[in-house]
N, C-alpha and C. Protein backbone atom coordinates (compact mmCIF):
# COMPACT_ATOMS: atom_id res chain seq x y z
N ASP A 1 4.01 -14.25 -7.92
CA ASP A 1 4.78 -13.17 -8.40
C ASP A 1 5.51 -12.42 -7.36
N PRO A 2 6.59 -11.85 -7.58
CA PRO A 2 7.29 -10.96 -6.69
C PRO A 2 6.40 -9.77 -6.36
N PRO A 3 6.66 -9.14 -5.19
CA PRO A 3 5.82 -7.93 -4.80
C PRO A 3 6.01 -6.75 -5.91
N ALA A 4 4.82 -6.15 -6.14
CA ALA A 4 4.93 -5.05 -7.19
C ALA A 4 5.86 -3.85 -6.66
N TYR A 5 5.78 -3.60 -5.41
CA TYR A 5 6.72 -2.52 -4.73
C TYR A 5 7.52 -3.15 -3.67
N ALA A 6 8.74 -3.40 -3.91
CA ALA A 6 9.63 -3.92 -2.82
C ALA A 6 10.53 -2.82 -2.33
N ASN A 7 10.82 -2.88 -1.00
CA ASN A 7 11.74 -1.97 -0.41
C ASN A 7 13.09 -2.47 -0.48
N GLY A 8 13.63 -2.84 -1.73
CA GLY A 8 14.95 -3.42 -1.72
C GLY A 8 14.78 -4.86 -2.32
N PRO A 9 15.82 -5.58 -2.66
CA PRO A 9 15.74 -6.85 -3.25
C PRO A 9 15.20 -7.88 -2.33
N VAL A 10 14.25 -8.70 -2.85
CA VAL A 10 13.65 -9.69 -2.00
C VAL A 10 14.69 -10.83 -1.77
N GLN A 11 14.83 -11.16 -0.47
CA GLN A 11 15.74 -12.30 -0.04
C GLN A 11 15.06 -13.69 0.00
N GLY A 12 13.79 -13.66 0.15
CA GLY A 12 13.02 -14.99 0.26
C GLY A 12 11.59 -14.79 0.55
N TYR A 13 10.94 -15.83 0.58
CA TYR A 13 9.48 -15.83 0.84
C TYR A 13 9.07 -16.72 2.06
N ARG A 14 8.04 -16.45 2.75
CA ARG A 14 7.71 -17.26 3.77
C ARG A 14 6.20 -17.63 3.53
N LEU A 15 5.88 -18.90 3.71
CA LEU A 15 4.61 -19.52 3.45
C LEU A 15 3.98 -19.95 4.86
N PHE A 16 2.81 -19.48 5.02
CA PHE A 16 2.05 -19.84 6.28
C PHE A 16 0.92 -20.78 5.98
N CYS A 17 0.79 -21.94 6.52
CA CYS A 17 -0.17 -23.01 6.17
C CYS A 17 -0.93 -23.24 7.47
N THR A 18 -2.18 -22.99 7.67
CA THR A 18 -2.97 -23.26 8.83
C THR A 18 -4.03 -24.37 8.49
N GLU A 19 -4.03 -25.32 9.32
CA GLU A 19 -5.08 -26.36 9.28
C GLU A 19 -6.29 -25.57 9.97
N THR A 20 -7.34 -25.34 9.14
CA THR A 20 -8.49 -24.63 9.54
C THR A 20 -9.21 -25.17 10.87
N ALA A 21 -9.44 -26.40 10.90
CA ALA A 21 -10.11 -26.96 12.03
C ALA A 21 -9.46 -26.87 13.41
N THR A 22 -8.12 -26.90 13.34
CA THR A 22 -7.42 -26.97 14.57
C THR A 22 -6.66 -25.71 14.81
N GLY A 23 -6.50 -24.82 13.81
CA GLY A 23 -5.87 -23.61 14.04
C GLY A 23 -4.25 -23.86 13.98
N ARG A 24 -3.77 -25.07 13.86
CA ARG A 24 -2.40 -25.32 13.87
C ARG A 24 -1.76 -24.70 12.61
N GLU A 25 -0.76 -23.85 12.89
CA GLU A 25 -0.08 -23.20 11.76
C GLU A 25 1.41 -23.57 11.61
N GLN A 26 1.85 -23.71 10.48
CA GLN A 26 3.23 -23.97 10.16
C GLN A 26 3.75 -22.96 9.30
N ASN A 27 5.04 -22.62 9.28
CA ASN A 27 5.51 -21.62 8.36
C ASN A 27 6.83 -22.14 7.76
N VAL A 28 7.09 -21.99 6.48
CA VAL A 28 8.15 -22.54 5.69
C VAL A 28 8.83 -21.34 4.98
N GLU A 29 10.20 -21.31 5.12
CA GLU A 29 10.92 -20.39 4.28
C GLU A 29 11.06 -20.95 2.83
N VAL A 30 10.83 -20.19 1.84
CA VAL A 30 10.85 -20.62 0.55
C VAL A 30 11.76 -19.74 -0.28
N ASP A 31 12.76 -20.29 -1.01
CA ASP A 31 13.68 -19.52 -1.84
C ASP A 31 13.09 -19.04 -3.07
N GLY A 32 12.39 -19.89 -3.75
CA GLY A 32 11.89 -19.47 -5.17
C GLY A 32 10.46 -19.06 -5.17
N LEU A 33 9.82 -19.14 -6.30
CA LEU A 33 8.50 -18.69 -6.56
C LEU A 33 7.52 -19.90 -6.46
N SER A 34 7.97 -21.03 -6.24
CA SER A 34 7.09 -22.34 -6.06
C SER A 34 7.52 -23.14 -4.88
N TYR A 35 6.61 -23.84 -4.50
CA TYR A 35 6.88 -24.73 -3.28
C TYR A 35 5.79 -25.90 -3.34
N ARG A 36 6.19 -27.05 -3.05
CA ARG A 36 5.24 -28.18 -2.97
C ARG A 36 5.07 -28.49 -1.47
N LEU A 37 3.77 -28.44 -1.06
CA LEU A 37 3.38 -28.80 0.32
C LEU A 37 3.25 -30.34 0.36
N GLU A 38 3.83 -30.99 1.31
CA GLU A 38 3.72 -32.44 1.45
C GLU A 38 3.19 -32.68 2.86
N GLY A 39 2.68 -33.92 3.13
CA GLY A 39 2.22 -34.31 4.46
C GLY A 39 1.01 -33.83 4.91
N LEU A 40 0.13 -33.35 3.94
CA LEU A 40 -1.20 -32.75 4.43
C LEU A 40 -2.23 -33.86 4.53
N LYS A 41 -3.22 -33.60 5.41
CA LYS A 41 -4.25 -34.58 5.66
C LYS A 41 -5.21 -34.62 4.55
N LYS A 42 -5.88 -35.78 4.32
CA LYS A 42 -6.90 -35.98 3.30
C LYS A 42 -8.15 -35.22 3.70
N PHE A 43 -8.91 -34.71 2.75
CA PHE A 43 -10.19 -34.00 2.91
C PHE A 43 -10.12 -32.97 4.03
N THR A 44 -9.09 -32.09 4.08
CA THR A 44 -8.90 -31.28 5.16
C THR A 44 -8.79 -29.84 4.54
N GLU A 45 -9.26 -28.86 5.17
CA GLU A 45 -9.26 -27.43 4.71
C GLU A 45 -8.07 -26.73 5.39
N TYR A 46 -7.34 -26.10 4.56
CA TYR A 46 -6.16 -25.32 4.97
C TYR A 46 -6.23 -23.89 4.39
N THR A 47 -5.75 -22.96 5.17
CA THR A 47 -5.51 -21.56 4.80
C THR A 47 -4.13 -21.25 4.52
N LEU A 48 -3.76 -20.67 3.40
CA LEU A 48 -2.41 -20.26 2.99
C LEU A 48 -2.28 -18.85 2.86
N ARG A 49 -1.12 -18.32 3.31
CA ARG A 49 -0.86 -16.95 2.97
C ARG A 49 0.75 -16.78 2.78
N PHE A 50 1.11 -15.78 2.10
CA PHE A 50 2.52 -15.75 1.70
C PHE A 50 3.03 -14.24 1.97
N LEU A 51 4.15 -14.18 2.17
CA LEU A 51 4.86 -12.84 2.35
C LEU A 51 6.33 -12.85 1.83
N ALA A 52 6.80 -11.88 1.27
CA ALA A 52 8.15 -11.67 0.87
C ALA A 52 8.92 -10.83 1.95
N TYR A 53 10.29 -11.20 2.16
CA TYR A 53 11.05 -10.43 3.13
C TYR A 53 12.36 -10.00 2.48
N ASN A 54 12.94 -9.12 3.01
CA ASN A 54 14.24 -8.59 2.61
C ASN A 54 15.08 -8.10 3.88
N ARG A 55 16.23 -7.49 3.61
CA ARG A 55 16.96 -7.15 4.82
C ARG A 55 16.30 -6.08 5.81
N TYR A 56 15.17 -5.58 5.37
CA TYR A 56 14.39 -4.56 6.21
C TYR A 56 13.39 -5.33 6.99
N GLY A 57 13.18 -6.64 6.74
CA GLY A 57 12.05 -7.38 7.34
C GLY A 57 11.08 -7.85 6.37
N PRO A 58 9.90 -8.47 6.97
CA PRO A 58 8.86 -8.96 6.26
C PRO A 58 7.97 -7.94 5.65
N GLY A 59 7.42 -8.14 4.51
CA GLY A 59 6.45 -7.31 3.90
C GLY A 59 5.03 -7.62 4.28
N VAL A 60 4.16 -7.09 3.66
CA VAL A 60 2.68 -7.32 3.96
C VAL A 60 2.29 -8.70 3.34
N SER A 61 1.54 -9.47 4.11
CA SER A 61 1.22 -10.84 3.55
C SER A 61 0.09 -10.73 2.57
N THR A 62 -0.04 -11.75 1.77
CA THR A 62 -1.15 -11.76 0.89
C THR A 62 -2.45 -12.08 1.54
N GLU A 63 -3.54 -11.89 0.81
CA GLU A 63 -4.86 -12.35 1.39
C GLU A 63 -4.83 -13.82 1.56
N ASP A 64 -5.66 -14.36 2.54
CA ASP A 64 -5.78 -15.82 2.80
C ASP A 64 -6.33 -16.40 1.59
N VAL A 65 -5.73 -17.65 1.20
CA VAL A 65 -6.33 -18.52 0.21
C VAL A 65 -6.63 -19.82 0.89
N THR A 66 -7.97 -20.26 0.79
CA THR A 66 -8.46 -21.38 1.46
C THR A 66 -8.51 -22.56 0.30
N VAL A 67 -7.85 -23.76 0.74
CA VAL A 67 -7.98 -24.84 -0.17
C VAL A 67 -8.36 -26.02 0.69
N THR A 68 -8.95 -27.02 0.02
CA THR A 68 -9.27 -28.30 0.62
C THR A 68 -8.56 -29.51 -0.13
N THR A 69 -7.92 -30.33 0.60
CA THR A 69 -7.23 -31.49 -0.03
C THR A 69 -8.29 -32.45 -0.38
N LEU A 70 -7.80 -33.33 -1.37
CA LEU A 70 -8.62 -34.32 -1.88
C LEU A 70 -8.05 -35.77 -1.20
N SER A 71 -8.64 -36.94 -1.71
CA SER A 71 -8.00 -38.16 -1.24
C SER A 71 -6.56 -38.31 -1.76
N ASP A 72 -5.98 -39.40 -1.48
CA ASP A 72 -4.58 -39.68 -1.92
C ASP A 72 -4.48 -39.40 -3.46
């Protein structure tokens, strides 16, 4: 969902995806409210967090969400 209190119109979202075991983080610019992550490793734990940004800069990120991928 969009932020409850935005300091102006939201221009986009940023998704941070960290592979828990290695600490390797990727971030992706996301235009809409959904995004499909691809290329993840099997049986691997990832931590995700999101933030919205506008012309004033990034907002506060969400709490971390931890997920574990399954097999193919």
